[in-house]
Amino acid sequence: MPLQSVAVSIERAAEHWFTEGPLIETVLASCAVPGLPPPVEIDEGHFLGGGLVDSIPVGRASPARSGIDAACRASARCLSELVHATR
């Protein structure tokens, strides 16, 4: 199933869309809150949560691409369960 997540690149000071790459890291990057966990490093870049620039980026959704689009707000508990389930 295709997945897209958004995070903020610290180096570029701009949003960055992940459409491939390591699932756990890209999801953690899209949810990283400044001051709580450290920024997530992916491919020599450092990322924080995409909510800093757009809390639910519905403009990126396109029913023509997939037929089903969903947006969610992840909680710390949800992320903790995701990390533990994959170890």
N, C-alpha and C. Protein backbone atom coordinates (compact mmCIF):
# COMPACT_ATOMS: atom_id res chain seq x y z
N MET A 1 0.85 -1.18 0.00
CA MET A 1 0.00 0.00 0.00
C MET A 1 0.89 1.24 0.00
N PRO A 2 0.68 2.15 -0.92
CA PRO A 2 1.48 3.38 -0.95
C PRO A 2 1.23 4.23 0.29
N LEU A 3 2.28 4.88 0.74
CA LEU A 3 2.18 5.76 1.91
C LEU A 3 2.99 7.01 1.63
N GLN A 4 2.42 8.15 1.97
CA GLN A 4 3.14 9.41 1.88
C GLN A 4 3.09 10.06 3.24
N SER A 5 4.22 10.62 3.66
CA SER A 5 4.23 11.38 4.91
C SER A 5 5.06 12.64 4.68
N VAL A 6 4.75 13.64 5.47
CA VAL A 6 5.44 14.92 5.32
C VAL A 6 6.18 15.25 6.61
N ALA A 7 7.36 15.82 6.43
CA ALA A 7 8.17 16.30 7.55
C ALA A 7 8.80 17.62 7.12
N VAL A 8 9.44 18.27 8.06
CA VAL A 8 10.12 19.53 7.75
C VAL A 8 11.62 19.29 7.76
N SER A 9 12.28 19.62 6.67
CA SER A 9 13.73 19.53 6.59
C SER A 9 14.33 20.72 7.32
N ILE A 10 15.14 20.45 8.33
CA ILE A 10 15.77 21.53 9.09
C ILE A 10 16.76 22.28 8.19
N GLU A 11 17.52 21.53 7.41
CA GLU A 11 18.54 22.16 6.56
C GLU A 11 17.93 23.06 5.50
N ARG A 12 16.80 22.67 4.93
CA ARG A 12 16.18 23.47 3.86
C ARG A 12 15.08 24.40 4.37
N ALA A 13 14.68 24.22 5.63
CA ALA A 13 13.59 25.01 6.21
C ALA A 13 12.35 24.94 5.31
N ALA A 14 12.03 23.71 4.87
CA ALA A 14 10.89 23.51 3.98
C ALA A 14 10.32 22.11 4.18
N GLU A 15 9.07 21.94 3.77
CA GLU A 15 8.47 20.62 3.88
C GLU A 15 9.15 19.64 2.93
N HIS A 16 9.14 18.38 3.33
CA HIS A 16 9.73 17.31 2.52
C HIS A 16 8.76 16.14 2.54
N TRP A 17 8.39 15.65 1.37
CA TRP A 17 7.46 14.52 1.28
C TRP A 17 8.23 13.23 1.10
N PHE A 18 7.94 12.26 1.95
CA PHE A 18 8.52 10.93 1.83
C PHE A 18 7.51 10.04 1.11
N THR A 19 7.95 9.43 0.03
CA THR A 19 7.11 8.48 -0.70
C THR A 19 7.78 7.11 -0.75
N GLU A 20 9.00 7.04 -0.24
CA GLU A 20 9.73 5.78 -0.14
C GLU A 20 10.77 5.95 0.95
N GLY A 21 11.40 4.85 1.32
CA GLY A 21 12.42 4.89 2.36
C GLY A 21 12.00 4.07 3.56
N PRO A 22 12.79 4.15 4.63
CA PRO A 22 12.52 3.34 5.82
C PRO A 22 11.22 3.80 6.51
N LEU A 23 10.26 2.89 6.63
CA LEU A 23 8.94 3.24 7.15
C LEU A 23 8.99 3.85 8.55
N ILE A 24 9.63 3.20 9.49
CA ILE A 24 9.65 3.69 10.87
C ILE A 24 10.24 5.10 10.93
N GLU A 25 11.38 5.30 10.31
CA GLU A 25 12.04 6.60 10.38
C GLU A 25 11.22 7.70 9.73
N THR A 26 10.59 7.42 8.60
CA THR A 26 9.81 8.46 7.94
C THR A 26 8.56 8.81 8.75
N VAL A 27 7.93 7.82 9.37
CA VAL A 27 6.77 8.11 10.22
C VAL A 27 7.20 8.88 11.46
N LEU A 28 8.30 8.46 12.09
CA LEU A 28 8.80 9.19 13.26
C LEU A 28 9.17 10.62 12.90
N ALA A 29 9.79 10.80 11.74
CA ALA A 29 10.16 12.15 11.31
C ALA A 29 8.93 13.01 11.12
N SER A 30 7.87 12.45 10.57
CA SER A 30 6.67 13.24 10.31
C SER A 30 5.95 13.63 11.59
N CYS A 31 6.30 12.99 12.70
CA CYS A 31 5.64 13.27 13.98
C CYS A 31 6.55 13.91 15.02
N ALA A 32 7.81 14.12 14.70
CA ALA A 32 8.77 14.65 15.67
C ALA A 32 8.42 16.09 16.05
N VAL A 33 8.24 16.31 17.33
CA VAL A 33 7.87 17.63 17.85
C VAL A 33 9.13 18.32 18.38
N PRO A 34 9.38 19.57 18.00
CA PRO A 34 10.58 20.26 18.50
C PRO A 34 10.63 20.27 20.02
N GLY A 35 11.79 19.92 20.56
CA GLY A 35 11.98 19.95 22.00
C GLY A 35 11.66 18.64 22.71
N LEU A 36 10.98 17.71 22.05
CA LEU A 36 10.69 16.42 22.69
C LEU A 36 11.73 15.41 22.23
N PRO A 37 11.45 14.60 21.21
CA PRO A 37 12.54 13.74 20.73
C PRO A 37 13.45 14.57 19.83
N PRO A 38 14.67 14.12 19.64
CA PRO A 38 15.55 14.85 18.72
C PRO A 38 15.04 14.72 17.28
N PRO A 39 15.45 15.61 16.40
CA PRO A 39 15.08 15.47 14.98
C PRO A 39 15.52 14.10 14.47
N VAL A 40 14.79 13.58 13.50
CA VAL A 40 15.11 12.27 12.93
C VAL A 40 16.04 12.47 11.75
N GLU A 41 17.14 11.70 11.73
CA GLU A 41 18.11 11.80 10.63
C GLU A 41 17.80 10.74 9.58
N ILE A 42 17.61 11.19 8.35
CA ILE A 42 17.37 10.30 7.22
C ILE A 42 18.21 10.82 6.05
N ASP A 43 19.05 9.95 5.52
CA ASP A 43 19.89 10.32 4.36
C ASP A 43 20.62 11.64 4.56
N GLU A 44 21.28 11.79 5.68
CA GLU A 44 22.08 12.97 6.02
C GLU A 44 21.27 14.25 6.18
N GLY A 45 19.94 14.14 6.24
CA GLY A 45 19.09 15.29 6.53
C GLY A 45 18.45 15.11 7.90
N HIS A 46 17.98 16.19 8.49
CA HIS A 46 17.35 16.14 9.81
C HIS A 46 15.93 16.69 9.67
N PHE A 47 14.96 15.94 10.24
CA PHE A 47 13.56 16.25 10.01
C PHE A 47 12.78 16.34 11.30
N LEU A 48 11.81 17.26 11.29
CA LEU A 48 10.81 17.41 12.36
C LEU A 48 9.43 17.21 11.74
N GLY A 49 8.42 17.17 12.58
CA GLY A 49 7.07 16.89 12.14
C GLY A 49 6.54 17.85 11.10
N GLY A 50 5.83 17.29 10.13
CA GLY A 50 5.24 18.08 9.06
C GLY A 50 4.16 19.03 9.53
N GLY A 51 3.59 18.77 10.72
CA GLY A 51 2.57 19.65 11.27
C GLY A 51 3.06 21.05 11.54
N LEU A 52 4.37 21.23 11.54
CA LEU A 52 4.92 22.58 11.73
C LEU A 52 4.58 23.49 10.56
N VAL A 53 4.38 22.91 9.38
CA VAL A 53 4.06 23.72 8.21
C VAL A 53 2.63 23.51 7.71
N ASP A 54 2.06 22.33 7.99
CA ASP A 54 0.69 22.04 7.53
C ASP A 54 0.17 20.85 8.34
N SER A 55 -0.74 21.11 9.28
CA SER A 55 -1.14 20.05 10.22
C SER A 55 -1.80 18.85 9.54
N ILE A 56 -2.66 19.05 8.60
CA ILE A 56 -3.23 17.96 7.81
C ILE A 56 -3.25 18.43 6.36
N PRO A 57 -2.24 18.03 5.58
CA PRO A 57 -2.07 18.54 4.22
C PRO A 57 -3.02 17.91 3.21
N VAL A 58 -4.28 18.33 3.25
CA VAL A 58 -5.28 17.74 2.36
C VAL A 58 -5.04 18.11 0.90
N GLY A 59 -4.31 19.17 0.63
CA GLY A 59 -4.03 19.55 -0.74
C GLY A 59 -3.22 18.50 -1.49
N ARG A 60 -2.50 17.68 -0.77
CA ARG A 60 -1.68 16.63 -1.39
C ARG A 60 -2.54 15.42 -1.78
N ALA A 61 -3.68 15.26 -1.13
CA ALA A 61 -4.54 14.11 -1.40
C ALA A 61 -5.18 14.25 -2.78
N SER A 62 -5.29 13.13 -3.47
CA SER A 62 -5.92 13.14 -4.78
C SER A 62 -6.66 11.83 -5.00
N PRO A 63 -7.99 11.86 -4.95
CA PRO A 63 -8.74 10.63 -5.18
C PRO A 63 -8.44 9.98 -6.53
N ALA A 64 -8.00 10.77 -7.50
CA ALA A 64 -7.69 10.21 -8.82
C ALA A 64 -6.50 9.26 -8.77
N ARG A 65 -5.59 9.46 -7.79
CA ARG A 65 -4.42 8.59 -7.69
C ARG A 65 -4.75 7.25 -7.07
N SER A 66 -5.49 7.25 -5.96
CA SER A 66 -5.66 5.99 -5.23
C SER A 66 -7.11 5.57 -5.03
N GLY A 67 -8.01 6.48 -5.12
CA GLY A 67 -9.41 6.15 -4.85
C GLY A 67 -9.75 6.26 -3.38
N ILE A 68 -8.77 6.13 -2.50
CA ILE A 68 -8.98 6.24 -1.05
C ILE A 68 -7.87 7.12 -0.50
N ASP A 69 -8.24 8.14 0.24
CA ASP A 69 -7.27 8.99 0.89
C ASP A 69 -7.62 9.10 2.36
N ALA A 70 -6.63 9.15 3.20
CA ALA A 70 -6.85 9.27 4.63
C ALA A 70 -5.78 10.16 5.23
N ALA A 71 -6.14 10.87 6.26
CA ALA A 71 -5.18 11.67 7.01
C ALA A 71 -5.38 11.32 8.47
N CYS A 72 -4.31 11.32 9.22
CA CYS A 72 -4.46 11.01 10.64
C CYS A 72 -3.49 11.85 11.45
N ARG A 73 -3.80 11.96 12.70
CA ARG A 73 -2.93 12.62 13.65
C ARG A 73 -2.41 11.53 14.58
N ALA A 74 -1.12 11.29 14.54
CA ALA A 74 -0.53 10.23 15.34
C ALA A 74 -0.21 10.73 16.75
N SER A 75 -0.40 9.86 17.72
CA SER A 75 -0.08 10.21 19.10
C SER A 75 1.22 9.54 19.51
N ALA A 76 1.79 9.98 20.61
CA ALA A 76 3.02 9.37 21.11
C ALA A 76 2.79 7.90 21.43
N ARG A 77 1.63 7.55 21.96
CA ARG A 77 1.33 6.15 22.27
C ARG A 77 1.30 5.32 21.00
N CYS A 78 0.67 5.83 19.97
CA CYS A 78 0.60 5.14 18.69
C CYS A 78 2.00 4.89 18.14
N LEU A 79 2.86 5.88 18.18
CA LEU A 79 4.22 5.74 17.67
C LEU A 79 5.02 4.74 18.49
N SER A 80 4.84 4.77 19.80
CA SER A 80 5.53 3.83 20.68
C SER A 80 5.14 2.40 20.33
N GLU A 81 3.85 2.17 20.10
CA GLU A 81 3.38 0.83 19.74
C GLU A 81 3.92 0.42 18.38
N LEU A 82 4.04 1.35 17.44
CA LEU A 82 4.58 1.05 16.12
C LEU A 82 6.03 0.61 16.22
N VAL A 83 6.83 1.34 17.00
CA VAL A 83 8.24 1.02 17.14
C VAL A 83 8.41 -0.34 17.81
N HIS A 84 7.66 -0.60 18.88
CA HIS A 84 7.79 -1.87 19.59
C HIS A 84 7.31 -3.05 18.74
N ALA A 85 6.33 -2.84 17.91
CA ALA A 85 5.78 -3.93 17.10
C ALA A 85 6.76 -4.36 16.01
N THR A 86 7.67 -3.47 15.61
CA THR A 86 8.57 -3.81 14.53
C THR A 86 9.93 -4.30 15.01
N ARG A 87 10.15 -4.31 16.30
CA ARG A 87 11.45 -4.77 16.83
C ARG A 87 11.44 -6.24 17.12
